[in-house]
Protein backbone atom coordinates (compact mmCIF):
# COMPACT_ATOMS: atom_id res chain seq x y z
CA MET A 1 14.97 -22.55 53.78
CA ALA A 2 15.32 -24.47 50.55
CA ASP A 3 12.01 -26.20 51.26
CA THR A 4 10.32 -22.83 51.75
CA ALA A 5 11.65 -21.54 48.43
CA ALA A 6 10.51 -24.72 46.70
CA ARG A 7 7.00 -24.35 48.12
CA GLU A 8 6.85 -20.72 47.01
CA ARG A 9 7.95 -21.74 43.52
CA GLN A 10 5.30 -24.48 43.45
CA GLN A 11 2.60 -21.95 44.42
CA GLU A 12 3.82 -19.53 41.76
CA LEU A 13 3.63 -22.19 39.03
CA SER A 14 0.19 -23.32 40.13
CA GLY A 15 -1.12 -19.80 40.64
CA PRO A 16 -1.25 -16.56 38.66
CA GLY A 17 2.10 -17.18 36.93
CA LEU A 18 0.95 -20.41 35.33
CA ARG A 19 -2.44 -18.92 34.46
CA LYS A 20 -0.73 -15.98 32.77
CA LEU A 21 1.46 -18.33 30.73
CA TRP A 22 -1.59 -20.35 29.72
CA MET A 23 -3.43 -17.19 28.63
CA ILE A 24 -0.47 -16.18 26.47
CA LEU A 25 -0.21 -19.60 24.83
CA ALA A 26 -3.98 -19.90 24.36
CA ALA A 27 -4.10 -16.58 22.48
CA PHE A 28 -1.23 -17.54 20.17
CA GLY A 29 -2.11 -18.58 16.64
CA PRO A 30 -3.92 -15.94 14.54
CA GLY A 31 -0.93 -13.60 14.43
CA LEU A 32 1.63 -16.31 13.74
CA MET A 33 -0.49 -17.92 11.03
CA VAL A 34 -1.28 -14.71 9.17
CA MET A 35 2.38 -13.68 9.31
CA LEU A 36 3.55 -17.02 7.94
CA ALA A 37 1.01 -16.54 5.15
CA ASP A 38 2.46 -13.06 4.56
CA THR A 39 5.67 -14.75 3.34
CA ASP A 40 3.77 -16.34 0.47
CA ALA A 41 5.05 -17.56 -2.91
CA GLY A 42 5.00 -14.05 -4.37
CA SER A 43 6.90 -12.64 -1.39
CA VAL A 44 9.52 -15.38 -1.68
CA ILE A 45 10.08 -14.54 -5.35
CA THR A 46 10.23 -10.82 -4.51
CA ALA A 47 12.81 -11.39 -1.75
CA ALA A 48 14.87 -13.65 -4.02
CA GLN A 49 14.72 -11.05 -6.78
CA SER A 50 15.89 -8.41 -4.28
CA GLY A 51 18.93 -10.47 -3.34
CA ALA A 52 19.75 -11.34 -6.95
CA GLN A 53 19.59 -7.75 -8.20
CA TRP A 54 20.77 -5.73 -5.21
CA GLY A 55 22.69 -8.09 -2.95
CA TYR A 56 22.29 -7.29 0.73
CA ARG A 57 20.88 -3.80 0.14
CA MET A 58 17.30 -4.92 0.79
CA VAL A 59 18.12 -6.30 4.26
CA LEU A 60 17.72 -2.96 6.08
CA PRO A 61 14.29 -2.22 4.54
CA GLN A 62 13.14 -5.69 5.66
CA LEU A 63 14.14 -4.84 9.23
CA VAL A 64 12.31 -1.50 9.06
CA LEU A 65 9.16 -3.29 7.90
CA ILE A 66 8.88 -5.25 11.19
CA PRO A 67 7.33 -2.42 13.27
CA ILE A 68 5.22 -1.30 10.30
CA LEU A 69 3.75 -4.77 9.93
CA PHE A 70 3.06 -5.03 13.66
CA LEU A 71 1.43 -1.59 13.98
CA VAL A 72 -1.00 -2.21 11.13
CA GLN A 73 -1.99 -5.75 12.10
CA GLU A 74 -2.34 -4.81 15.78
CA MET A 75 -5.26 -2.60 14.81
CA THR A 76 -7.08 -5.59 13.34
CA VAL A 77 -6.57 -7.49 16.59
CA ARG A 78 -8.14 -4.71 18.66
CA LEU A 79 -11.05 -4.31 16.26
CA GLY A 80 -11.85 -8.02 16.32
CA ILE A 81 -11.45 -8.53 20.06
CA VAL A 82 -13.24 -5.36 21.19
CA THR A 83 -16.17 -5.43 18.73
CA GLY A 84 -16.49 -9.19 18.19
CA LYS A 85 -17.23 -8.44 14.53
CA GLY A 86 -15.38 -9.11 11.29
CA HIS A 87 -13.90 -6.44 9.05
CA GLY A 88 -16.55 -6.71 6.33
CA GLU A 89 -19.35 -6.56 8.89
CA LEU A 90 -17.94 -3.41 10.50
CA ILE A 91 -17.58 -1.69 7.13
CA ARG A 92 -21.22 -2.51 6.32
CA GLU A 93 -22.46 -1.24 9.69
CA HIS A 94 -20.51 2.02 9.69
CA PHE A 95 -20.30 2.93 5.99
CA GLY A 96 -23.14 1.06 4.29
CA TRP A 97 -23.66 -1.76 1.81
CA LYS A 98 -22.03 -0.07 -1.19
CA TRP A 99 -18.69 0.49 0.52
CA ALA A 100 -18.79 -2.99 1.99
CA TRP A 101 -19.33 -4.54 -1.44
CA LEU A 102 -16.58 -2.39 -2.97
CA SER A 103 -14.13 -3.65 -0.37
CA VAL A 104 -15.05 -7.32 -0.09
CA GLY A 105 -15.95 -7.84 -3.75
CA ALA A 106 -12.50 -6.76 -4.88
CA LEU A 107 -11.03 -8.72 -1.95
CA PHE A 108 -12.58 -12.00 -3.13
CA VAL A 109 -11.41 -11.50 -6.71
CA ALA A 110 -7.93 -10.65 -5.41
CA ALA A 111 -8.05 -13.74 -3.19
CA VAL A 112 -8.72 -15.99 -6.19
CA GLY A 113 -5.90 -14.24 -8.03
CA ALA A 114 -3.57 -14.70 -5.06
CA LEU A 115 -4.39 -18.41 -5.03
CA VAL A 116 -2.98 -18.57 -8.56
CA THR A 117 0.35 -17.44 -7.12
CA GLU A 118 0.19 -19.96 -4.27
CA PHE A 119 -0.81 -22.88 -6.51
CA SER A 120 1.93 -21.85 -8.94
CA GLY A 121 4.37 -22.10 -6.03
CA ILE A 122 3.11 -25.58 -5.13
CA ALA A 123 3.31 -26.62 -8.79
CA GLY A 124 6.85 -25.28 -9.07
CA VAL A 125 7.99 -27.28 -6.05
CA SER A 126 6.32 -30.48 -7.25
CA GLU A 127 7.97 -30.18 -10.66
CA LEU A 128 11.38 -30.05 -8.92
CA PHE A 129 10.64 -33.59 -7.76
CA GLY A 130 9.15 -34.81 -11.04
CA ILE A 131 5.51 -34.62 -9.92
CA PRO A 132 3.13 -33.23 -12.59
CA ARG A 133 1.45 -29.97 -11.72
CA TRP A 134 -2.07 -31.28 -12.35
CA LEU A 135 -1.54 -33.82 -9.58
CA SER A 136 0.05 -31.50 -7.01
CA VAL A 137 -2.39 -28.63 -7.63
CA GLY A 138 -5.44 -30.92 -7.71
CA VAL A 139 -4.51 -32.79 -4.53
CA SER A 140 -3.62 -29.52 -2.75
CA ALA A 141 -6.96 -27.92 -3.67
CA ILE A 142 -8.92 -30.94 -2.41
CA LEU A 143 -6.85 -31.13 0.78
CA LEU A 144 -7.18 -27.41 1.51
CA ALA A 145 -10.93 -27.44 0.91
CA GLY A 146 -11.33 -30.44 3.21
CA ILE A 147 -9.38 -28.76 6.01
CA GLY A 148 -11.63 -25.70 5.93
CA VAL A 149 -14.99 -27.49 5.83
CA SER A 150 -14.10 -29.63 8.85
CA GLY A 151 -15.99 -27.15 11.05
CA ASN A 152 -13.12 -26.63 13.49
CA TYR A 153 -11.13 -23.39 13.59
CA LYS A 154 -8.45 -24.80 15.90
CA LYS A 155 -7.76 -27.63 13.47
CA VAL A 156 -7.40 -25.17 10.58
CA GLU A 157 -5.00 -23.05 12.62
CA ARG A 158 -2.87 -25.96 13.83
CA ILE A 159 -2.49 -27.49 10.38
CA GLY A 160 -1.77 -24.10 8.82
CA ILE A 161 0.93 -23.23 11.35
CA ALA A 162 2.48 -26.72 11.26
CA VAL A 163 2.88 -26.64 7.47
CA GLY A 164 3.69 -22.92 7.40
CA LEU A 165 6.64 -23.45 9.73
CA LEU A 166 8.37 -25.29 6.89
CA GLU A 167 9.35 -21.75 5.87
CA VAL A 168 11.95 -21.92 8.63
CA PHE A 169 13.99 -24.03 6.18
CA PHE A 170 14.87 -20.77 4.43
CA ILE A 171 17.02 -19.86 7.46
CA PRO A 172 19.47 -22.80 7.17
CA ALA A 173 19.56 -22.07 3.42
CA ALA A 174 20.97 -18.63 4.27
CA LEU A 175 23.50 -20.11 6.71
CA LEU A 176 24.60 -22.78 4.24
CA ALA A 177 25.22 -20.02 1.68
CA HIS A 178 28.00 -18.72 4.00
CA PRO A 179 27.28 -14.99 3.71
CA HIS A 180 30.25 -12.69 4.23
CA LEU A 181 29.43 -10.64 7.32
CA HIS A 182 31.56 -7.65 6.30
CA ASN A 183 29.90 -7.41 2.88
CA LEU A 184 26.48 -7.81 4.48
CA MET A 185 27.03 -4.95 6.95
CA GLN A 186 28.57 -2.74 4.28
CA GLN A 187 25.90 -3.25 1.62
CA MET A 188 22.88 -3.14 3.90
CA MET A 189 23.74 0.44 4.86
CA LEU A 190 23.83 1.50 1.19
CA VAL A 191 20.17 1.96 0.23
CA PRO A 192 20.03 3.57 -3.26
CA LEU A 193 16.68 5.33 -2.95
CA GLY A 194 17.54 7.50 -5.95
CA ASN A 195 17.56 4.49 -8.26
CA ARG A 196 14.15 3.90 -9.87
CA ASN A 197 14.67 0.16 -10.28
CA PHE A 198 15.56 -0.21 -6.61
CA LEU A 199 12.63 1.98 -5.62
CA PHE A 200 10.20 -0.18 -7.58
CA LEU A 201 11.53 -3.35 -5.97
CA LEU A 202 11.34 -1.64 -2.58
CA ALA A 203 7.72 -0.74 -3.32
CA ALA A 204 7.04 -4.38 -4.17
CA ASN A 205 8.51 -5.46 -0.81
CA VAL A 206 6.52 -2.84 1.09
CA GLY A 207 3.34 -3.67 -0.80
CA ALA A 208 3.86 -7.37 -0.09
CA VAL A 209 4.27 -6.87 3.66
CA ILE A 210 0.65 -5.79 4.20
CA MET A 211 -1.71 -7.85 2.08
CA PRO A 212 -5.38 -6.77 2.06
CA TRP A 213 -6.51 -10.29 2.97
CA MET A 214 -4.33 -10.24 6.11
CA VAL A 215 -6.59 -7.63 7.70
CA PHE A 216 -9.75 -9.64 7.03
CA TYR A 217 -8.19 -12.90 8.17
CA GLN A 218 -6.68 -11.86 11.49
CA GLN A 219 -9.76 -9.92 12.56
CA GLY A 220 -11.96 -12.92 11.84
CA ALA A 221 -9.51 -15.36 13.41
CA VAL A 222 -9.42 -13.68 16.84
CA ILE A 223 -13.23 -13.88 16.83
CA ASP A 224 -13.37 -17.57 15.89
CA LYS A 225 -10.73 -18.23 18.54
CA HIS A 226 -13.06 -16.55 21.09
CA LEU A 227 -10.43 -14.09 22.33
CA ARG A 228 -11.61 -11.47 24.86
CA PRO A 229 -10.27 -8.04 25.83
CA THR A 230 -8.27 -9.69 28.62
CA ASP A 231 -6.44 -11.65 25.88
CA LEU A 232 -5.35 -8.49 24.05
CA PRO A 233 -1.81 -8.31 25.52
CA ALA A 234 -1.19 -11.96 24.59
CA ALA A 235 -2.67 -11.43 21.10
CA ARG A 236 -0.29 -8.50 20.63
CA ARG A 237 2.67 -10.71 21.56
CA ASP A 238 1.44 -13.27 19.05
CA THR A 239 1.33 -10.59 16.35
CA LEU A 240 4.75 -9.20 17.28
CA PHE A 241 6.34 -12.65 17.29
CA GLY A 242 4.85 -13.40 13.89
CA SER A 243 5.99 -10.02 12.53
CA VAL A 244 9.58 -10.69 13.57
CA LEU A 245 9.57 -14.28 12.29
CA THR A 246 8.17 -13.49 8.85
CA GLN A 247 10.72 -10.73 8.28
CA VAL A 248 13.58 -12.93 9.52
CA ILE A 249 12.49 -15.45 6.89
CA MET A 250 12.38 -12.75 4.21
CA ILE A 251 15.87 -11.59 5.22
CA ALA A 252 17.09 -15.20 5.08
CA ILE A 253 15.88 -15.47 1.47
CA VAL A 254 17.56 -12.19 0.51
CA VAL A 255 20.81 -13.26 2.19
CA ALA A 256 20.79 -16.75 0.66
CA ILE A 257 20.51 -15.34 -2.87
CA ALA A 258 22.82 -12.36 -2.25
CA ALA A 259 25.57 -14.64 -0.92
CA THR A 260 25.35 -16.94 -3.94
CA LEU A 261 23.81 -15.78 -7.21
CA TYR A 262 24.60 -12.09 -6.71
CA THR A 263 28.30 -12.82 -6.21
CA ILE A 264 28.66 -14.35 -9.68
CA HIS A 265 25.79 -12.84 -11.71
CA PRO A 266 24.78 -9.48 -10.15
CA GLY A 267 21.41 -8.29 -11.41
CA GLN A 268 20.34 -11.63 -12.84
CA PRO A 269 16.51 -11.79 -12.87
CA LEU A 270 14.71 -14.65 -11.15
CA ALA A 271 11.11 -15.53 -11.95
CA SER A 272 10.51 -19.12 -10.88
CA ILE A 273 11.23 -21.72 -8.22
CA GLY A 274 13.33 -23.66 -10.72
CA SER A 275 15.59 -20.70 -11.51
CA ILE A 276 16.16 -19.99 -7.81
CA THR A 277 16.95 -23.63 -7.03
CA SER A 278 19.24 -23.96 -10.04
CA GLY A 279 21.08 -20.84 -8.98
CA LEU A 280 21.60 -22.15 -5.44
CA ALA A 281 22.60 -25.66 -6.54
CA PRO A 282 26.29 -24.86 -7.33
CA PHE A 283 26.71 -23.48 -3.81
CA LEU A 284 24.50 -25.77 -1.71
CA GLY A 285 24.38 -28.88 -3.87
CA TRP A 286 21.36 -29.85 -5.97
CA ASP A 287 19.68 -32.07 -3.37
CA VAL A 288 20.14 -29.59 -0.51
CA ALA A 289 18.93 -26.66 -2.64
CA ARG A 290 15.92 -28.64 -3.86
CA TRP A 291 14.85 -29.91 -0.45
CA VAL A 292 15.60 -26.83 1.65
CA PHE A 293 14.19 -24.24 -0.73
CA GLY A 294 11.43 -26.56 -1.94
CA LEU A 295 10.10 -27.29 1.54
CA GLY A 296 10.24 -23.62 2.46
CA MET A 297 8.27 -22.64 -0.63
CA LEU A 298 5.76 -25.45 -0.07
CA GLY A 299 5.07 -24.24 3.48
CA ALA A 300 4.75 -20.63 2.31
CA SER A 301 2.35 -21.47 -0.52
CA PHE A 302 0.19 -23.86 1.51
CA VAL A 303 -0.42 -21.65 4.55
CA ALA A 304 -0.99 -18.60 2.34
CA ALA A 305 -3.54 -20.48 0.23
CA LEU A 306 -5.39 -21.47 3.40
CA VAL A 307 -5.42 -17.93 4.84
CA VAL A 308 -6.29 -16.22 1.54
CA SER A 309 -9.33 -18.38 0.83
CA VAL A 310 -10.65 -18.10 4.38
CA ALA A 311 -10.19 -14.32 4.32
CA GLY A 312 -12.00 -13.95 0.99
CA ALA A 313 -14.97 -16.07 2.12
CA TRP A 314 -15.06 -14.32 5.50
CA GLY A 315 -15.08 -10.88 3.93
CA VAL A 316 -17.97 -11.55 1.53
CA THR A 317 -20.18 -13.36 4.05
CA GLU A 318 -19.52 -10.72 6.72
CA ALA A 319 -20.67 -8.02 4.33
CA ILE A 320 -23.91 -9.82 3.43
CA GLY A 321 -24.65 -10.93 7.00
CA CYS A 322 -24.33 -14.72 6.56
CA ASN A 323 -22.93 -17.18 9.08
CA HIS A 324 -19.18 -17.17 8.51
CA SER A 325 -17.54 -19.12 11.31
CA LEU A 326 -15.01 -21.90 10.71
CA ASN A 327 -16.52 -23.52 13.80
CA ALA A 328 -19.91 -23.87 12.09
CA LYS A 329 -21.16 -27.01 10.37
CA PHE A 330 -21.49 -26.95 6.59
CA SER A 331 -25.30 -26.97 6.84
CA ASP A 332 -25.21 -23.89 9.08
CA ALA A 333 -22.81 -21.83 6.92
CA LYS A 334 -23.36 -23.04 3.36
CA VAL A 335 -22.62 -19.72 1.62
CA PHE A 336 -19.35 -19.31 3.51
CA TYR A 337 -18.10 -22.83 2.78
CA ILE A 338 -19.22 -22.72 -0.86
CA LEU A 339 -17.30 -19.46 -1.44
CA TYR A 340 -14.32 -20.90 0.42
CA THR A 341 -14.29 -23.97 -1.85
CA LEU A 342 -14.97 -22.03 -5.06
CA ALA A 343 -11.90 -19.89 -4.41
CA TYR A 344 -9.73 -23.02 -4.58
CA VAL A 345 -11.50 -24.31 -7.66
CA GLY A 346 -11.03 -21.00 -9.46
CA GLY A 347 -7.38 -20.66 -8.48
CA ALA A 348 -6.56 -24.26 -9.41
CA LEU A 349 -8.30 -24.04 -12.81
CA LEU A 350 -6.48 -20.82 -13.68
CA VAL A 351 -3.12 -22.47 -12.92
CA LEU A 352 -3.97 -25.65 -14.82
CA GLY A 353 -5.55 -23.83 -17.78
CA ASN A 354 -3.61 -22.55 -20.76
CA LEU A 355 -3.67 -18.94 -19.58
CA ASN A 356 -1.01 -16.26 -19.67
CA LEU A 357 0.00 -16.58 -16.03
CA VAL A 358 2.62 -13.84 -16.30
CA LYS A 359 0.00 -11.30 -17.32
CA LEU A 360 -2.43 -12.67 -14.76
CA ASN A 361 0.14 -12.26 -11.99
CA ILE A 362 0.69 -8.65 -13.08
CA ASP A 363 -3.05 -8.06 -12.87
CA VAL A 364 -3.15 -9.61 -9.38
CA GLU A 365 -0.29 -7.40 -8.19
CA VAL A 366 -2.04 -4.31 -9.49
CA MET A 367 -5.34 -5.33 -7.89
CA ASN A 368 -3.71 -5.94 -4.50
CA ALA A 369 -1.86 -2.64 -4.67
CA MET A 370 -5.04 -0.74 -5.56
CA LEU A 371 -7.06 -2.50 -2.87
CA LEU A 372 -4.49 -1.81 -0.17
CA PRO A 373 -5.29 1.91 0.28
CA ILE A 374 -9.00 1.07 0.51
CA VAL A 375 -8.46 -1.63 3.15
CA LEU A 376 -6.02 0.42 5.23
CA GLY A 377 -8.23 3.50 4.92
CA PHE A 378 -11.20 1.56 6.32
CA LEU A 379 -8.98 0.03 9.00
CA LEU A 380 -7.89 3.44 10.28
CA ALA A 381 -11.43 4.83 10.09
CA LEU A 382 -12.88 1.87 12.00
CA GLU A 383 -10.15 2.04 14.64
CA ALA A 384 -11.09 5.69 15.26
CA LYS A 385 -14.66 4.55 16.03
CA LEU A 386 -13.63 2.22 18.85
CA PRO A 387 -14.57 3.18 22.44
CA THR A 388 -12.15 5.80 23.78
CA ARG A 389 -10.19 3.42 26.01
CA TRP A 390 -9.36 1.17 23.06
CA ARG A 391 -8.33 3.83 20.54
CA MET A 392 -4.80 4.93 19.68
CA VAL A 393 -3.80 8.31 21.07
CA GLY A 394 -0.87 10.68 20.92
CA ARG A 395 2.41 9.68 19.33
CA ARG A 396 1.34 6.09 18.72
CA LYS A 397 -1.66 7.26 16.70
CA TRP A 398 0.36 9.56 14.46
CA VAL A 399 3.15 7.03 13.95
CA THR A 400 0.61 4.37 12.92
CA TRP A 401 -1.17 6.78 10.59
CA GLY A 402 2.20 7.79 9.13
CA VAL A 403 3.42 4.26 8.40
CA SER A 404 -0.01 3.33 7.00
CA ALA A 405 0.16 6.29 4.64
CA LEU A 406 3.66 5.19 3.60
CA VAL A 407 2.44 1.68 2.81
CA MET A 408 -0.53 3.06 0.85
CA CYS A 409 1.73 5.37 -1.17
CA PHE A 410 4.06 2.51 -2.06
CA GLY A 411 1.03 0.43 -3.03
CA VAL A 412 -0.28 3.13 -5.36
CA TYR A 413 3.21 3.71 -6.78
CA MET A 414 3.67 0.01 -7.51
CA ALA A 415 0.24 -0.17 -9.17
CA LEU A 416 0.93 2.84 -11.41
CA VAL A 417 4.40 1.66 -12.44
CA THR A 418 3.20 -1.89 -13.05
CA LEU A 419 0.28 -0.66 -15.14
CA ALA A 420 2.59 1.56 -17.16
CA GLY A 421 4.91 -1.39 -17.76
CA ALA A 422 2.01 -3.67 -18.70
CA ASN A 423 0.74 -1.13 -21.22
CA ARG A 424 4.12 -1.21 -22.95
CA LEU A 425 4.03 -5.02 -23.29
């Protein structure tokens, strides 16, 4: 009897069960990578600021953002897999050249601006270890450009995920901070929506959870990975897993700061990697704080820089109808690879130049917030044009439209408030 059961198990592993597992694993990658990139340098600073100013009160909103993030990005997966076309290409086909240029032109500028944030994160980490920023930023830009022009999407994805998973170091940072469970449960249920300062920081967290470049990247990635409609369930699991992981990391950052800095200096502003590390040092020790938080930030900045530049180059070349595959040789996709490389050059020069990076970061935030309603609006409109069997219907449709509208409203709110604040500077 035992032999019979063993044979049945052997057949199951060598039959449909093993094939199903292989299909799931083969489809994994685009969702996880784009979600790791979602927790970029700017998001890390935002989460740290949330913990420093409001303690554990931003934990519940981070949990609520998990299904919102999944619902929005799942639409990009379906669009890419079902149509086999990138986001910029679909906008051009359905709405014309002008709308396509409006969307992808602003996207590319925002991508270069976002790279300033990522390179600033890399520079901040390197300076913790006594490495000059010109060296860390220069080497990173060359390395990132070389990874992309290798002509191999799988290599780009594997390197991006491997480095991006350094963000997991934020989780032991939260545990080493020894958060008080009772305080955590008590504060997380107190969400002061009537406070304007809290509402603005909440808007920043919501606006950061759906970046415009995420839509362009994941839709292009499922195409370059050659995913088919039969891979859709596995691609959804990939996206869901990434959505949960990125928000767990964000919560870990909030908790780590809330359990340390907030307990002794409530409301203290944080604006740099150095200030966060210095604040954690008395609780974790300087070396632990530097290595744990530094490695997490390095992973976040690196994978985000990779995704942002690819998304910007994909968007522009999709709109103008050029070859835009990461699997193509340089000679076959020159425009794509040149734009991809120029994004790094521009971002690196802005960080290394004597520019007002504070003002530049404000401008980038405003641009992303203003672009978000445009990108999500096109995403919803394109999803409605899918063949009937692939469209959202009923409750799912209205829930997705509702959460998308919420994200767009927060994006507009953040842009208006940030612009008003910038005008007073």
